[in-house]
């Protein structure tokens, strides 16, 4: 009976072994966005810490790099905007993003 179940286990393992990489990719992409709640950023970071086999300090640096890139994207939007209302919206998003990054650092690291 065990020898018959081994091919099934092998196929199942092949199917599920792809999930960690997909979860890591999705988590990194999520850190680059500015529309997530604090809980969603926390979930992405926790996934990365558990699946990436890196130290918390390495993930901290990854987190800071992702947040920096997201904020720089907002700065570029402000620089290219000629509409005052659009600029205000981008500034508010940038302030929220900075606030959330600081909050996440305090909660997770």
PDB file of N, CA and C in Angstrom:
ATOM      1  N   UNK A   1       0.804  -1.206   0.000  1.00  0.00           N
ATOM      2  CA  UNK A   1       0.000   0.000   0.000  1.00  0.00           C
ATOM      3  C   UNK A   1       0.848   1.272   0.000  1.00  0.00           C
ATOM      4  N   UNK A   2       2.006   1.282   0.710  1.00  0.00           N
ATOM      5  CA  UNK A   2       2.826   2.482   0.741  1.00  0.00           C
ATOM      6  C   UNK A   2       3.419   2.794  -0.623  1.00  0.00           C
ATOM      7  N   UNK A   3       3.822   1.769  -1.353  1.00  0.00           N
ATOM      8  CA  UNK A   3       4.448   1.993  -2.655  1.00  0.00           C
ATOM      9  C   UNK A   3       3.448   2.591  -3.638  1.00  0.00           C
ATOM     10  N   UNK A   4       2.170   2.289  -3.463  1.00  0.00           N
ATOM     11  CA  UNK A   4       1.160   2.860  -4.364  1.00  0.00           C
ATOM     12  C   UNK A   4       0.886   4.329  -4.023  1.00  0.00           C
ATOM     13  N   UNK A   5       1.057   4.710  -2.779  1.00  0.00           N
ATOM     14  CA  UNK A   5       0.777   6.101  -2.398  1.00  0.00           C
ATOM     15  C   UNK A   5       1.951   7.031  -2.703  1.00  0.00           C
ATOM     16  N   UNK A   6       3.137   6.503  -2.873  1.00  0.00           N
ATOM     17  CA  UNK A   6       4.302   7.338  -3.131  1.00  0.00           C
ATOM     18  C   UNK A   6       4.168   8.169  -4.406  1.00  0.00           C
ATOM     19  N   UNK A   7       3.730   7.619  -5.539  1.00  0.00           N
ATOM     20  CA  UNK A   7       3.556   8.475  -6.715  1.00  0.00           C
ATOM     21  C   UNK A   7       2.553   9.613  -6.468  1.00  0.00           C
ATOM     22  N   UNK A   8       1.527   9.329  -5.720  1.00  0.00           N
ATOM     23  CA  UNK A   8       0.556  10.368  -5.394  1.00  0.00           C
ATOM     24  C   UNK A   8       1.210  11.465  -4.554  1.00  0.00           C
ATOM     25  N   UNK A   9       1.989  11.060  -3.562  1.00  0.00           N
ATOM     26  CA  UNK A   9       2.688  12.048  -2.734  1.00  0.00           C
ATOM     27  C   UNK A   9       3.664  12.867  -3.566  1.00  0.00           C
ATOM     28  N   UNK A  10       4.352  12.230  -4.471  1.00  0.00           N
ATOM     29  CA  UNK A  10       5.292  12.942  -5.338  1.00  0.00           C
ATOM     30  C   UNK A  10       4.571  13.987  -6.181  1.00  0.00           C
ATOM     31  N   UNK A  11       3.450  13.615  -6.761  1.00  0.00           N
ATOM     32  CA  UNK A  11       2.680  14.568  -7.580  1.00  0.00           C
ATOM     33  C   UNK A  11       2.144  15.705  -6.724  1.00  0.00           C
ATOM     34  N   UNK A  12       1.650  15.362  -5.535  1.00  0.00           N
ATOM     35  CA  UNK A  12       1.120  16.404  -4.658  1.00  0.00           C
ATOM     36  C   UNK A  12       2.232  17.350  -4.225  1.00  0.00           C
ATOM     37  N   UNK A  13       3.397  16.805  -3.910  1.00  0.00           N
ATOM     38  CA  UNK A  13       4.500  17.649  -3.507  1.00  0.00           C
ATOM     39  C   UNK A  13       4.908  18.584  -4.640  1.00  0.00           C
ATOM     40  N   UNK A  14       4.941  18.085  -5.863  1.00  0.00           N
ATOM     41  CA  UNK A  14       5.263  18.927  -7.014  1.00  0.00           C
ATOM     42  C   UNK A  14       4.276  20.085  -7.133  1.00  0.00           C
ATOM     43  N   UNK A  15       3.017  19.809  -6.849  1.00  0.00           N
ATOM     44  CA  UNK A  15       1.992  20.840  -6.946  1.00  0.00           C
ATOM     45  C   UNK A  15       2.166  21.899  -5.853  1.00  0.00           C
ATOM     46  N   UNK A  16       2.445  21.476  -4.630  1.00  0.00           N
ATOM     47  CA  UNK A  16       2.508  22.447  -3.538  1.00  0.00           C
ATOM     48  C   UNK A  16       3.885  23.089  -3.380  1.00  0.00           C
ATOM     49  N   UNK A  17       4.917  22.498  -3.943  1.00  0.00           N
ATOM     50  CA  UNK A  17       6.262  23.050  -3.772  1.00  0.00           C
ATOM     51  C   UNK A  17       6.425  24.401  -4.462  1.00  0.00           C
ATOM     52  N   UNK A  18       5.537  24.736  -5.380  1.00  0.00           N
ATOM     53  CA  UNK A  18       5.618  26.025  -6.080  1.00  0.00           C
ATOM     54  C   UNK A  18       5.045  27.166  -5.242  1.00  0.00           C
ATOM     55  N   UNK A  19       4.246  26.851  -4.232  1.00  0.00           N
ATOM     56  CA  UNK A  19       3.563  27.891  -3.465  1.00  0.00           C
ATOM     57  C   UNK A  19       4.496  28.834  -2.703  1.00  0.00           C
ATOM     58  N   UNK A  20       5.548  28.360  -2.043  1.00  0.00           N
ATOM     59  CA  UNK A  20       6.411  29.315  -1.334  1.00  0.00           C
ATOM     60  C   UNK A  20       6.972  30.410  -2.238  1.00  0.00           C
ATOM     61  N   UNK A  21       7.424  30.052  -3.439  1.00  0.00           N
ATOM     62  CA  UNK A  21       7.956  31.064  -4.355  1.00  0.00           C
ATOM     63  C   UNK A  21       6.867  32.045  -4.792  1.00  0.00           C
ATOM     64  N   UNK A  22       5.684  31.531  -5.049  1.00  0.00           N
ATOM     65  CA  UNK A  22       4.580  32.409  -5.444  1.00  0.00           C
ATOM     66  C   UNK A  22       4.178  33.340  -4.302  1.00  0.00           C
ATOM     67  N   UNK A  23       4.175  32.817  -3.101  1.00  0.00           N
ATOM     68  CA  UNK A  23       3.828  33.635  -1.939  1.00  0.00           C
ATOM     69  C   UNK A  23       4.894  34.714  -1.725  1.00  0.00           C
ATOM     70  N   UNK A  24       6.160  34.362  -1.856  1.00  0.00           N
ATOM     71  CA  UNK A  24       7.237  35.342  -1.699  1.00  0.00           C
ATOM     72  C   UNK A  24       7.147  36.445  -2.744  1.00  0.00           C
ATOM     73  N   UNK A  25       6.917  36.074  -3.984  1.00  0.00           N
ATOM     74  CA  UNK A  25       6.794  37.060  -5.056  1.00  0.00           C
ATOM     75  C   UNK A  25       5.623  37.995  -4.795  1.00  0.00           C
ATOM     76  N   UNK A  26       4.505  37.433  -4.427  1.00  0.00           N
ATOM     77  CA  UNK A  26       3.325  38.233  -4.128  1.00  0.00           C
ATOM     78  C   UNK A  26       3.567  39.155  -2.933  1.00  0.00           C
ATOM     79  N   UNK A  27       4.242  38.656  -1.922  1.00  0.00           N
ATOM     80  CA  UNK A  27       4.525  39.461  -0.732  1.00  0.00           C
ATOM     81  C   UNK A  27       5.429  40.638  -1.067  1.00  0.00           C
ATOM     82  N   UNK A  28       6.451  40.406  -1.877  1.00  0.00           N
ATOM     83  CA  UNK A  28       7.349  41.503  -2.282  1.00  0.00           C
ATOM     84  C   UNK A  28       6.588  42.551  -3.097  1.00  0.00           C
ATOM     85  N   UNK A  29       5.728  42.099  -3.989  1.00  0.00           N
ATOM     86  CA  UNK A  29       4.932  43.031  -4.792  1.00  0.00           C
ATOM     87  C   UNK A  29       4.007  43.854  -3.905  1.00  0.00           C
ATOM     88  N   UNK A  30       3.453  43.227  -2.890  1.00  0.00           N
ATOM     89  CA  UNK A  30       2.543  43.927  -1.978  1.00  0.00           C
ATOM     90  C   UNK A  30       3.267  45.034  -1.221  1.00  0.00           C
ATOM     91  N   UNK A  31       4.532  44.810  -0.880  1.00  0.00           N
ATOM     92  CA  UNK A  31       5.281  45.837  -0.158  1.00  0.00           C
ATOM     93  C   UNK A  31       5.548  47.077  -1.013  1.00  0.00           C
ATOM     94  N   UNK A  32       5.438  46.942  -2.314  1.00  0.00           N
ATOM     95  CA  UNK A  32       5.679  48.073  -3.211  1.00  0.00           C
ATOM     96  C   UNK A  32       4.444  48.934  -3.433  1.00  0.00           C
ATOM     97  N   UNK A  33       3.304  48.480  -2.968  1.00  0.00           N
ATOM     98  CA  UNK A  33       2.076  49.250  -3.171  1.00  0.00           C
ATOM     99  C   UNK A  33       1.849  50.212  -2.010  1.00  0.00           C
ATOM    100  N   UNK A  34       0.992  51.180  -2.233  1.00  0.00           N
ATOM    101  CA  UNK A  34       0.687  52.172  -1.210  1.00  0.00           C
ATOM    102  C   UNK A  34      -0.755  52.084  -0.731  1.00  0.00           C
ATOM    103  N   UNK A  35      -1.484  51.085  -1.160  1.00  0.00           N
ATOM    104  CA  UNK A  35      -2.908  51.009  -0.848  1.00  0.00           C
ATOM    105  C   UNK A  35      -3.277  49.960   0.191  1.00  0.00           C
ATOM    106  N   UNK A  36      -2.315  49.331   0.827  1.00  0.00           N
ATOM    107  CA  UNK A  36      -2.621  48.248   1.757  1.00  0.00           C
ATOM    108  C   UNK A  36      -2.832  48.769   3.175  1.00  0.00           C
ATOM    109  N   UNK A  37      -3.553  47.997   3.951  1.00  0.00           N
ATOM    110  CA  UNK A  37      -3.713  48.313   5.369  1.00  0.00           C
ATOM    111  C   UNK A  37      -2.472  47.831   6.125  1.00  0.00           C
ATOM    112  N   UNK A  38      -2.358  48.252   7.367  1.00  0.00           N
ATOM    113  CA  UNK A  38      -1.242  47.812   8.194  1.00  0.00           C
ATOM    114  C   UNK A  38      -1.191  46.310   8.343  1.00  0.00           C
ATOM    115  N   UNK A  39      -2.363  45.694   8.481  1.00  0.00           N
ATOM    116  CA  UNK A  39      -2.418  44.239   8.632  1.00  0.00           C
ATOM    117  C   UNK A  39      -1.931  43.529   7.375  1.00  0.00           C
ATOM    118  N   UNK A  40      -2.242  44.094   6.211  1.00  0.00           N
ATOM    119  CA  UNK A  40      -1.812  43.461   4.963  1.00  0.00           C
ATOM    120  C   UNK A  40      -0.296  43.555   4.790  1.00  0.00           C
ATOM    121  N   UNK A  41       0.295  44.704   5.161  1.00  0.00           N
ATOM    122  CA  UNK A  41       1.756  44.804   5.125  1.00  0.00           C
ATOM    123  C   UNK A  41       2.380  43.819   6.108  1.00  0.00           C
ATOM    124  N   UNK A  42       1.790  43.715   7.278  1.00  0.00           N
ATOM    125  CA  UNK A  42       2.294  42.790   8.290  1.00  0.00           C
ATOM    126  C   UNK A  42       2.255  41.353   7.777  1.00  0.00           C
ATOM    127  N   UNK A  43       1.151  40.968   7.145  1.00  0.00           N
ATOM    128  CA  UNK A  43       1.038  39.620   6.590  1.00  0.00           C
ATOM    129  C   UNK A  43       2.094  39.344   5.542  1.00  0.00           C
ATOM    130  N   UNK A  44       2.336  40.334   4.665  1.00  0.00           N
ATOM    131  CA  UNK A  44       3.357  40.165   3.630  1.00  0.00           C
ATOM    132  C   UNK A  44       4.740  39.998   4.260  1.00  0.00           C
ATOM    133  N   UNK A  45       5.037  40.829   5.247  1.00  0.00           N
ATOM    134  CA  UNK A  45       6.339  40.737   5.913  1.00  0.00           C
ATOM    135  C   UNK A  45       6.516  39.419   6.651  1.00  0.00           C
ATOM    136  N   UNK A  46       5.496  39.003   7.356  1.00  0.00           N
ATOM    137  CA  UNK A  46       5.586  37.724   8.082  1.00  0.00           C
ATOM    138  C   UNK A  46       5.783  36.562   7.124  1.00  0.00           C
ATOM    139  N   UNK A  47       5.099  36.596   5.993  1.00  0.00           N
ATOM    140  CA  UNK A  47       5.288  35.546   4.982  1.00  0.00           C
ATOM    141  C   UNK A  47       6.732  35.512   4.508  1.00  0.00           C
ATOM    142  N   UNK A  48       7.279  36.694   4.261  1.00  0.00           N
ATOM    143  CA  UNK A  48       8.651  36.758   3.780  1.00  0.00           C
ATOM    144  C   UNK A  48       9.635  36.248   4.834  1.00  0.00           C
ATOM    145  N   UNK A  49       9.408  36.628   6.083  1.00  0.00           N
ATOM    146  CA  UNK A  49      10.315  36.195   7.146  1.00  0.00           C
ATOM    147  C   UNK A  49      10.288  34.673   7.286  1.00  0.00           C
ATOM    148  N   UNK A  50       9.110  34.083   7.186  1.00  0.00           N
ATOM    149  CA  UNK A  50       8.994  32.627   7.375  1.00  0.00           C
ATOM    150  C   UNK A  50       9.444  31.820   6.158  1.00  0.00           C
ATOM    151  N   UNK A  51       9.266  32.366   4.962  1.00  0.00           N
ATOM    152  CA  UNK A  51       9.533  31.565   3.760  1.00  0.00           C
ATOM    153  C   UNK A  51      10.866  31.871   3.077  1.00  0.00           C
ATOM    154  N   UNK A  52      11.432  33.036   3.356  1.00  0.00           N
ATOM    155  CA  UNK A  52      12.600  33.478   2.598  1.00  0.00           C
ATOM    156  C   UNK A  52      13.923  32.955   3.157  1.00  0.00           C
ATOM    157  N   UNK A  53      13.889  32.353   4.336  1.00  0.00           N
ATOM    158  CA  UNK A  53      15.093  31.813   4.972  1.00  0.00           C
ATOM    159  C   UNK A  53      16.180  32.873   5.119  1.00  0.00           C
ATOM    160  N   UNK A  54      15.750  34.079   5.472  1.00  0.00           N
ATOM    161  CA  UNK A  54      16.686  35.161   5.747  1.00  0.00           C
ATOM    162  C   UNK A  54      16.509  35.587   7.194  1.00  0.00           C
ATOM    163  N   UNK A  55      17.471  36.316   7.671  1.00  0.00           N
ATOM    164  CA  UNK A  55      17.380  36.820   9.036  1.00  0.00           C
ATOM    165  C   UNK A  55      16.378  37.969   9.081  1.00  0.00           C
ATOM    166  N   UNK A  56      15.836  38.248  10.258  1.00  0.00           N
ATOM    167  CA  UNK A  56      14.947  39.409  10.365  1.00  0.00           C
ATOM    168  C   UNK A  56      15.617  40.708   9.903  1.00  0.00           C
ATOM    169  N   UNK A  57      16.918  40.855  10.129  1.00  0.00           N
ATOM    170  CA  UNK A  57      17.623  42.068   9.687  1.00  0.00           C
ATOM    171  C   UNK A  57      17.627  42.163   8.160  1.00  0.00           C
ATOM    172  N   UNK A  58      17.825  41.037   7.482  1.00  0.00           N
ATOM    173  CA  UNK A  58      17.797  41.046   6.011  1.00  0.00           C
ATOM    174  C   UNK A  58      16.402  41.415   5.509  1.00  0.00           C
ATOM    175  N   UNK A  59      15.369  40.886   6.149  1.00  0.00           N
ATOM    176  CA  UNK A  59      14.007  41.229   5.740  1.00  0.00           C
ATOM    177  C   UNK A  59      13.678  42.679   6.082  1.00  0.00           C
ATOM    178  N   UNK A  60      14.252  43.190   7.151  1.00  0.00           N
ATOM    179  CA  UNK A  60      14.082  44.587   7.511  1.00  0.00           C
ATOM    180  C   UNK A  60      14.638  45.476   6.399  1.00  0.00           C
ATOM    181  N   UNK A  61      15.797  45.127   5.896  1.00  0.00           N
ATOM    182  CA  UNK A  61      16.405  45.893   4.797  1.00  0.00           C
ATOM    183  C   UNK A  61      15.544  45.777   3.545  1.00  0.00           C
ATOM    184  N   UNK A  62      15.027  44.591   3.257  1.00  0.00           N
ATOM    185  CA  UNK A  62      14.123  44.412   2.107  1.00  0.00           C
ATOM    186  C   UNK A  62      12.887  45.286   2.278  1.00  0.00           C
ATOM    187  N   UNK A  63      12.324  45.285   3.475  1.00  0.00           N
ATOM    188  CA  UNK A  63      11.146  46.104   3.765  1.00  0.00           C
ATOM    189  C   UNK A  63      11.444  47.583   3.528  1.00  0.00           C
ATOM    190  N   UNK A  64      12.555  48.066   4.068  1.00  0.00           N
ATOM    191  CA  UNK A  64      12.904  49.477   3.890  1.00  0.00           C
ATOM    192  C   UNK A  64      13.116  49.828   2.416  1.00  0.00           C
ATOM    193  N   UNK A  65      13.754  48.943   1.691  1.00  0.00           N
ATOM    194  CA  UNK A  65      13.990  49.178   0.264  1.00  0.00           C
ATOM    195  C   UNK A  65      12.664  49.251  -0.496  1.00  0.00           C
ATOM    196  N   UNK A  66      11.763  48.339  -0.211  1.00  0.00           N
ATOM    197  CA  UNK A  66      10.455  48.344  -0.881  1.00  0.00           C
ATOM    198  C   UNK A  66       9.667  49.605  -0.551  1.00  0.00           C
ATOM    199  N   UNK A  67       9.659  49.999   0.712  1.00  0.00           N
ATOM    200  CA  UNK A  67       8.922  51.202   1.110  1.00  0.00           C
ATOM    201  C   UNK A  67       9.562  52.439   0.492  1.00  0.00           C
ATOM    202  N   UNK A  68      10.898  52.482   0.439  1.00  0.00           N
ATOM    203  CA  UNK A  68      11.593  53.616  -0.181  1.00  0.00           C
ATOM    204  C   UNK A  68      11.190  53.736  -1.653  1.00  0.00           C
ATOM    205  N   UNK A  69      11.168  52.612  -2.360  1.00  0.00           N
ATOM    206  CA  UNK A  69      10.797  52.638  -3.773  1.00  0.00           C
ATOM    207  C   UNK A  69       9.349  53.071  -3.977  1.00  0.00           C
ATOM    208  N   UNK A  70       8.464  52.630  -3.091  1.00  0.00           N
ATOM    209  CA  UNK A  70       7.064  53.030  -3.191  1.00  0.00           C
ATOM    210  C   UNK A  70       6.920  54.532  -2.957  1.00  0.00           C
ATOM    211  N   UNK A  71       7.653  55.059  -1.983  1.00  0.00           N
ATOM    212  CA  UNK A  71       7.580  56.491  -1.696  1.00  0.00           C
ATOM    213  C   UNK A  71       8.225  57.302  -2.816  1.00  0.00           C
ATOM    214  N   UNK A  72       9.319  56.832  -3.370  1.00  0.00           N
ATOM    215  CA  UNK A  72       9.940  57.516  -4.506  1.00  0.00           C
ATOM    216  C   UNK A  72       8.998  57.574  -5.699  1.00  0.00           C
ATOM    217  N   UNK A  73       8.227  56.539  -5.881  1.00  0.00           N
ATOM    218  CA  UNK A  73       7.227  56.534  -6.952  1.00  0.00           C
ATOM    219  C   UNK A  73       6.217  57.652  -6.738  1.00  0.00           C
ATOM    220  N   UNK A  74       5.810  57.869  -5.489  1.00  0.00           N
ATOM    221  CA  UNK A  74       4.888  58.970  -5.188  1.00  0.00           C
ATOM    222  C   UNK A  74       5.555  60.328  -5.403  1.00  0.00           C
ATOM    223  N   UNK A  75       6.828  60.439  -5.048  1.00  0.00           N
ATOM    224  CA  UNK A  75       7.558  61.694  -5.270  1.00  0.00           C
ATOM    225  C   UNK A  75       7.621  62.013  -6.757  1.00  0.00           C
ATOM    226  N   UNK A  76       7.891  61.010  -7.574  1.00  0.00           N
ATOM    227  CA  UNK A  76       7.926  61.225  -9.026  1.00  0.00           C
ATOM    228  C   UNK A  76       6.562  61.679  -9.549  1.00  0.00           C
ATOM    229  N   UNK A  77       5.504  61.134  -8.967  1.00  0.00           N
ATOM    230  CA  UNK A  77       4.153  61.544  -9.360  1.00  0.00           C
ATOM    231  C   UNK A  77       3.917  63.008  -9.019  1.00  0.00           C
ATOM    232  N   UNK A  78       4.409  63.433  -7.871  1.00  0.00           N
ATOM    233  CA  UNK A  78       4.259  64.831  -7.467  1.00  0.00           C
ATOM    234  C   UNK A  78       5.046  65.737  -8.403  1.00  0.00           C
ATOM    235  N   UNK A  79       6.255  65.338  -8.745  1.00  0.00           N
ATOM    236  CA  UNK A  79       7.100  66.145  -9.629  1.00  0.00           C
ATOM    237  C   UNK A  79       6.482  66.334 -11.001  1.00  0.00           C
ATOM    238  N   UNK A  80       5.786  65.324 -11.482  1.00  0.00           N
ATOM    239  CA  UNK A  80       5.222  65.399 -12.837  1.00  0.00           C
ATOM    240  C   UNK A  80       3.807  65.976 -12.856  1.00  0.00           C
ATOM    241  N   UNK A  81       3.247  66.244 -11.690  1.00  0.00           N
ATOM    242  CA  UNK A  81       1.870  66.737 -11.626  1.00  0.00           C
ATOM    243  C   UNK A  81       1.827  68.256 -11.749  1.00  0.00           C
ATOM    244  N   UNK A  82       0.868  68.746 -12.515  1.00  0.00           N
ATOM    245  CA  UNK A  82       0.672  70.194 -12.622  1.00  0.00           C
ATOM    246  C   UNK A  82      -0.624  70.616 -11.931  1.00  0.00           C
ATOM    247  N   UNK A  83      -1.420  69.665 -11.520  1.00  0.00           N
ATOM    248  CA  UNK A  83      -2.698  69.937 -10.866  1.00  0.00           C
ATOM    249  C   UNK A  83      -2.500  69.959  -9.345  1.00  0.00           C
ATOM    250  N   UNK A  84      -2.920  71.047  -8.703  1.00  0.00           N
ATOM    251  CA  UNK A  84      -2.710  71.212  -7.267  1.00  0.00           C
ATOM    252  C   UNK A  84      -3.461  70.155  -6.455  1.00  0.00           C
ATOM    253  N   UNK A  85      -4.673  69.796  -6.877  1.00  0.00           N
ATOM    254  CA  UNK A  85      -5.433  68.774  -6.149  1.00  0.00           C
ATOM    255  C   UNK A  85      -4.764  67.407  -6.247  1.00  0.00           C
ATOM    256  N   UNK A  86      -4.247  67.113  -7.415  1.00  0.00           N
ATOM    257  CA  UNK A  86      -3.541  65.842  -7.596  1.00  0.00           C
ATOM    258  C   UNK A  86      -2.272  65.815  -6.737  1.00  0.00           C
ATOM    259  N   UNK A  87      -1.580  66.947  -6.666  1.00  0.00           N
ATOM    260  CA  UNK A  87      -0.382  67.050  -5.844  1.00  0.00           C
ATOM    261  C   UNK A  87      -0.723  66.839  -4.375  1.00  0.00           C
ATOM    262  N   UNK A  88      -1.816  67.436  -3.923  1.00  0.00           N
ATOM    263  CA  UNK A  88      -2.248  67.246  -2.534  1.00  0.00           C
ATOM    264  C   UNK A  88      -2.542  65.782  -2.251  1.00  0.00           C
ATOM    265  N   UNK A  89      -3.209  65.133  -3.179  1.00  0.00           N
ATOM    266  CA  UNK A  89      -3.533  63.713  -3.017  1.00  0.00           C
ATOM    267  C   UNK A  89      -2.264  62.876  -2.901  1.00  0.00           C
ATOM    268  N   UNK A  90      -1.282  63.158  -3.759  1.00  0.00           N
ATOM    269  CA  UNK A  90      -0.015  62.419  -3.718  1.00  0.00           C
ATOM    270  C   UNK A  90       0.749  62.694  -2.422  1.00  0.00           C
ATOM    271  N   UNK A  91       0.726  63.937  -1.949  1.00  0.00           N
ATOM    272  CA  UNK A  91       1.399  64.265  -0.685  1.00  0.00           C
ATOM    273  C   UNK A  91       0.750  63.530   0.488  1.00  0.00           C
ATOM    274  N   UNK A  92      -0.576  63.472   0.489  1.00  0.00           N
ATOM    275  CA  UNK A  92      -1.278  62.737   1.549  1.00  0.00           C
ATOM    276  C   UNK A  92      -0.943  61.250   1.491  1.00  0.00           C
ATOM    277  N   UNK A  93      -0.873  60.703   0.293  1.00  0.00           N
ATOM    278  CA  UNK A  93      -0.503  59.290   0.140  1.00  0.00           C
ATOM    279  C   UNK A  93       0.919  59.049   0.628  1.00  0.00           C
ATOM    280  N   UNK A  94       1.804  59.983   0.329  1.00  0.00           N
ATOM    281  CA  UNK A  94       3.187  59.842   0.757  1.00  0.00           C
ATOM    282  C   UNK A  94       3.271  59.913   2.288  1.00  0.00           C
ATOM    283  N   UNK A  95       2.544  60.833   2.902  1.00  0.00           N
ATOM    284  CA  UNK A  95       2.544  60.945   4.363  1.00  0.00           C
ATOM    285  C   UNK A  95       1.989  59.670   4.992  1.00  0.00           C
ATOM    286  N   UNK A  96       0.905  59.137   4.413  1.00  0.00           N
ATOM    287  CA  UNK A  96       0.316  57.896   4.923  1.00  0.00           C
ATOM    288  C   UNK A  96       1.298  56.732   4.788  1.00  0.00           C
ATOM    289  N   UNK A  97       1.989  56.690   3.669  1.00  0.00           N
ATOM    290  CA  UNK A  97       2.945  55.620   3.428  1.00  0.00           C
ATOM    291  C   UNK A  97       4.105  55.683   4.427  1.00  0.00           C
ATOM    292  N   UNK A  98       4.606  56.880   4.686  1.00  0.00           N
ATOM    293  CA  UNK A  98       5.674  57.041   5.681  1.00  0.00           C
ATOM    294  C   UNK A  98       5.187  56.657   7.074  1.00  0.00           C
ATOM    295  N   UNK A  99       3.999  57.105   7.418  1.00  0.00           N
ATOM    296  CA  UNK A  99       3.427  56.790   8.728  1.00  0.00           C
ATOM    297  C   UNK A  99       3.267  55.282   8.893  1.00  0.00           C
ATOM    298  N   UNK A 100       2.760  54.628   7.866  1.00  0.00           N
ATOM    299  CA  UNK A 100       2.551  53.186   7.919  1.00  0.00           C
ATOM    300  C   UNK A 100       3.882  52.438   8.012  1.00  0.00           C
ATOM    301  N   UNK A 101       4.893  52.905   7.292  1.00  0.00           N
ATOM    302  CA  UNK A 101       6.207  52.257   7.341  1.00  0.00           C
ATOM    303  C   UNK A 101       6.783  52.334   8.755  1.00  0.00           C
ATOM    304  N   UNK A 102       6.669  53.500   9.371  1.00  0.00           N
ATOM    305  CA  UNK A 102       7.176  53.662  10.735  1.00  0.00           C
ATOM    306  C   UNK A 102       6.394  52.765  11.699  1.00  0.00           C
ATOM    307  N   UNK A 103       5.089  52.710  11.516  1.00  0.00           N
ATOM    308  CA  UNK A 103       4.241  51.853  12.349  1.00  0.00           C
ATOM    309  C   UNK A 103       4.652  50.381  12.199  1.00  0.00           C
ATOM    310  N   UNK A 104       4.863  49.941  10.971  1.00  0.00           N
ATOM    311  CA  UNK A 104       5.248  48.545  10.727  1.00  0.00           C
ATOM    312  C   UNK A 104       6.594  48.224  11.347  1.00  0.00           C
ATOM    313  N   UNK A 105       7.531  49.155  11.270  1.00  0.00           N
ATOM    314  CA  UNK A 105       8.838  48.938  11.882  1.00  0.00           C
ATOM    315  C   UNK A 105       8.679  48.711  13.379  1.00  0.00           C
ATOM    316  N   UNK A 106       7.848  49.532  13.999  1.00  0.00           N
ATOM    317  CA  UNK A 106       7.614  49.383  15.437  1.00  0.00           C
ATOM    318  C   UNK A 106       6.924  48.088  15.802  1.00  0.00           C
ATOM    319  N   UNK A 107       5.977  47.657  14.986  1.00  0.00           N
ATOM    320  CA  UNK A 107       5.213  46.438  15.286  1.00  0.00           C
ATOM    321  C   UNK A 107       5.980  45.155  15.013  1.00  0.00           C
ATOM    322  N   UNK A 108       6.697  45.129  13.939  1.00  0.00           N
ATOM    323  CA  UNK A 108       7.293  43.864  13.502  1.00  0.00           C
ATOM    324  C   UNK A 108       8.753  43.740  13.889  1.00  0.00           C
ATOM    325  N   UNK A 109       9.471  44.812  13.764  1.00  0.00           N
ATOM    326  CA  UNK A 109      10.919  44.713  14.004  1.00  0.00           C
ATOM    327  C   UNK A 109      11.264  45.294  15.348  1.00  0.00           C
TER     328      UNK A 109
END
